[in-house]
Amino acid sequence: MISAWKGLSDPTRREILQLLKGRPHTAGEIADQFSLSAATVSHHLSVLKGAKLVNVDRRRQTLIYSLNTAVLQDVLSVILALTASERRKK
């Protein structure tokens, strides 16, 4: 779970997740959306993959990234539990 929080902590990675919300994208399609070096985008994708926030499918030499909704649901459950316990305290 800690790696998921790290993955979500960066604004660029959150933008990548927003992009993937619409549909899966290749690494190149993702990189085209940012004014960052390919190496920087690759690093962000690696962090998201390590946090299991994205799934990666290899089609020959192309990597296709998609959201891993199971992990995102786990993170959301933690957030909802935290906010619910705060509301009960008030």
Protein backbone atom coordinates (compact mmCIF):
# COMPACT_ATOMS: atom_id res chain seq x y z
CA MET A 1 0.00 0.00 0.00
CA ILE A 2 2.91 2.36 0.69
CA SER A 3 4.07 2.13 -2.91
CA ALA A 4 0.55 3.05 -4.06
CA TRP A 5 0.72 6.24 -1.96
CA LYS A 6 4.13 7.02 -3.47
CA GLY A 7 2.69 6.48 -6.93
CA LEU A 8 -0.17 8.87 -6.22
CA SER A 9 2.02 11.50 -4.54
CA ASP A 10 3.31 13.08 -7.75
CA PRO A 11 1.09 15.36 -9.89
CA THR A 12 2.52 14.02 -13.16
CA ARG A 13 1.72 10.45 -12.15
CA ARG A 14 -1.81 11.49 -11.21
CA GLU A 15 -2.14 13.09 -14.67
CA ILE A 16 -0.99 9.84 -16.26
CA LEU A 17 -3.63 7.93 -14.28
CA GLN A 18 -6.27 10.45 -15.42
CA LEU A 19 -5.15 9.89 -19.01
CA LEU A 20 -5.44 6.11 -18.60
CA LYS A 21 -8.92 6.49 -17.16
CA GLY A 22 -10.21 7.03 -20.68
CA ARG A 23 -8.47 4.09 -22.34
CA PRO A 24 -5.18 2.20 -22.39
CA HIS A 25 -2.26 4.04 -23.97
CA THR A 26 1.16 3.11 -25.29
CA ALA A 27 4.19 4.58 -23.58
CA GLY A 28 4.69 6.83 -26.59
CA GLU A 29 1.13 8.13 -26.48
CA ILE A 30 1.57 8.94 -22.80
CA ALA A 31 4.91 10.68 -23.40
CA ASP A 32 3.35 12.79 -26.17
CA GLN A 33 0.98 14.34 -23.61
CA PHE A 34 3.79 15.82 -21.52
CA SER A 35 6.59 18.28 -22.10
CA LEU A 36 9.00 16.00 -20.26
CA SER A 37 11.86 13.88 -21.52
CA ALA A 38 11.06 10.33 -22.50
CA ALA A 39 13.31 9.16 -19.65
CA THR A 40 11.31 11.18 -17.10
CA VAL A 41 8.00 9.79 -18.36
CA SER A 42 9.50 6.31 -18.32
CA HIS A 43 10.52 6.83 -14.69
CA HIS A 44 6.96 7.88 -13.76
CA LEU A 45 5.54 4.84 -15.56
CA SER A 46 8.02 2.62 -13.73
CA VAL A 47 6.90 4.01 -10.36
CA LEU A 48 3.24 3.47 -11.28
CA LYS A 49 4.01 -0.08 -12.42
CA GLY A 50 5.98 -0.79 -9.23
CA ALA A 51 3.03 0.51 -7.20
CA LYS A 52 0.76 -1.79 -9.22
CA LEU A 53 -1.42 1.21 -10.12
CA VAL A 54 -1.08 0.33 -13.80
CA ASN A 55 -1.06 -2.90 -15.76
CA VAL A 56 1.40 -3.30 -18.61
CA ASP A 57 0.77 -5.50 -21.62
CA ARG A 58 3.54 -6.15 -24.11
CA ARG A 59 2.52 -6.44 -27.74
CA ARG A 60 5.71 -7.26 -29.58
CA GLN A 61 7.91 -4.22 -28.88
CA THR A 62 5.09 -1.97 -27.69
CA LEU A 63 4.08 -1.52 -24.06
CA ILE A 64 0.40 -0.75 -23.43
CA TYR A 65 -0.48 0.79 -20.06
CA SER A 66 -3.92 0.57 -18.43
CA LEU A 67 -5.33 1.34 -15.00
CA ASN A 68 -5.25 -1.35 -12.35
CA THR A 69 -8.63 -0.59 -10.86
CA ALA A 70 -8.28 -3.21 -8.12
CA VAL A 71 -5.42 -1.33 -6.44
CA LEU A 72 -7.18 2.00 -6.93
CA GLN A 73 -10.25 0.55 -5.22
CA ASP A 74 -8.09 -0.56 -2.29
CA VAL A 75 -6.65 2.94 -1.94
CA LEU A 76 -10.11 4.47 -2.14
CA SER A 77 -11.35 2.08 0.56
CA VAL A 78 -8.58 3.25 2.89
CA ILE A 79 -9.41 6.90 2.21
CA LEU A 80 -13.10 6.32 2.81
CA ALA A 81 -12.40 4.47 6.06
CA LEU A 82 -10.19 7.29 7.27
CA THR A 83 -12.75 9.96 6.48
CA ALA A 84 -15.54 7.92 8.06
CA SER A 85 -13.59 7.56 11.30
CA GLU A 86 -12.92 11.32 11.34
CA ARG A 87 -16.65 12.03 10.91
CA ARG A 88 -17.47 9.71 13.82
CA LYS A 89 -15.06 11.63 16.08
CA LYS A 90 -16.89 14.92 15.52
